[in-house]
Amino acid sequence: METFPPLLTAIAALGALISLHEAKQSVRALARAFSKVKSRAARTVQPC
């Protein structure tokens, strides 16, 4: 039983794609939050 059924392979590929998409979105959200914090810190540090 070394060969995977096509359906199982398709499901595994779909799961990998979905997790990759979620990882991309979470990285984007993290980058957005980081830039927000960075701009806030820059505003705090720079004297008005």
Protein backbone atom coordinates (compact mmCIF):
# COMPACT_ATOMS: atom_id res chain seq x y z
CA MET A 1 0.00 0.00 0.00
CA GLU A 2 2.68 2.52 -1.00
CA THR A 3 0.58 4.20 -3.68
CA PHE A 4 -1.92 6.81 -2.51
CA PRO A 5 -5.41 6.87 -4.00
CA PRO A 6 -5.92 9.93 -6.24
CA LEU A 7 -8.69 11.23 -3.98
CA LEU A 8 -6.45 11.11 -0.90
CA THR A 9 -3.67 12.85 -2.82
CA ALA A 10 -6.08 15.56 -3.98
CA ILE A 11 -7.35 16.09 -0.42
CA ALA A 12 -3.79 16.31 0.91
CA ALA A 13 -2.83 18.81 -1.82
CA LEU A 14 -5.94 20.90 -1.08
CA GLY A 15 -5.13 20.90 2.64
CA ALA A 16 -1.57 22.00 1.92
CA LEU A 17 -2.82 24.82 -0.32
CA ILE A 18 -5.30 25.99 2.31
CA SER A 19 -2.69 25.97 5.07
CA LEU A 20 -0.26 27.83 2.78
CA HIS A 21 -2.93 30.46 2.09
CA GLU A 22 -3.66 30.84 5.81
CA ALA A 23 0.04 31.15 6.55
CA LYS A 24 0.34 33.90 3.92
CA GLN A 25 -2.61 35.76 5.44
CA SER A 26 -1.25 35.48 8.99
CA VAL A 27 2.17 36.71 7.84
CA ARG A 28 0.47 39.65 6.14
CA ALA A 29 -1.51 40.41 9.31
CA LEU A 30 1.66 40.20 11.40
CA ALA A 31 3.46 42.58 9.02
CA ARG A 32 0.54 45.00 9.22
CA ALA A 33 0.55 44.94 13.02
CA PHE A 34 4.34 45.35 13.08
CA SER A 35 4.20 48.39 10.80
CA LYS A 36 1.46 49.89 13.00
CA VAL A 37 3.60 49.43 16.11
CA LYS A 38 6.67 50.75 14.30
CA SER A 39 4.89 53.91 13.15
CA ARG A 40 3.46 54.45 16.63
CA ALA A 41 6.91 54.02 18.19
CA ALA A 42 8.41 56.41 15.63
CA ARG A 43 5.75 59.00 16.48
CA THR A 44 6.44 58.55 20.19
CA VAL A 45 10.21 58.83 19.83
CA GLN A 46 10.29 61.83 17.48
CA PRO A 47 9.66 65.15 19.27
CA CYS A 48 6.81 67.13 17.78
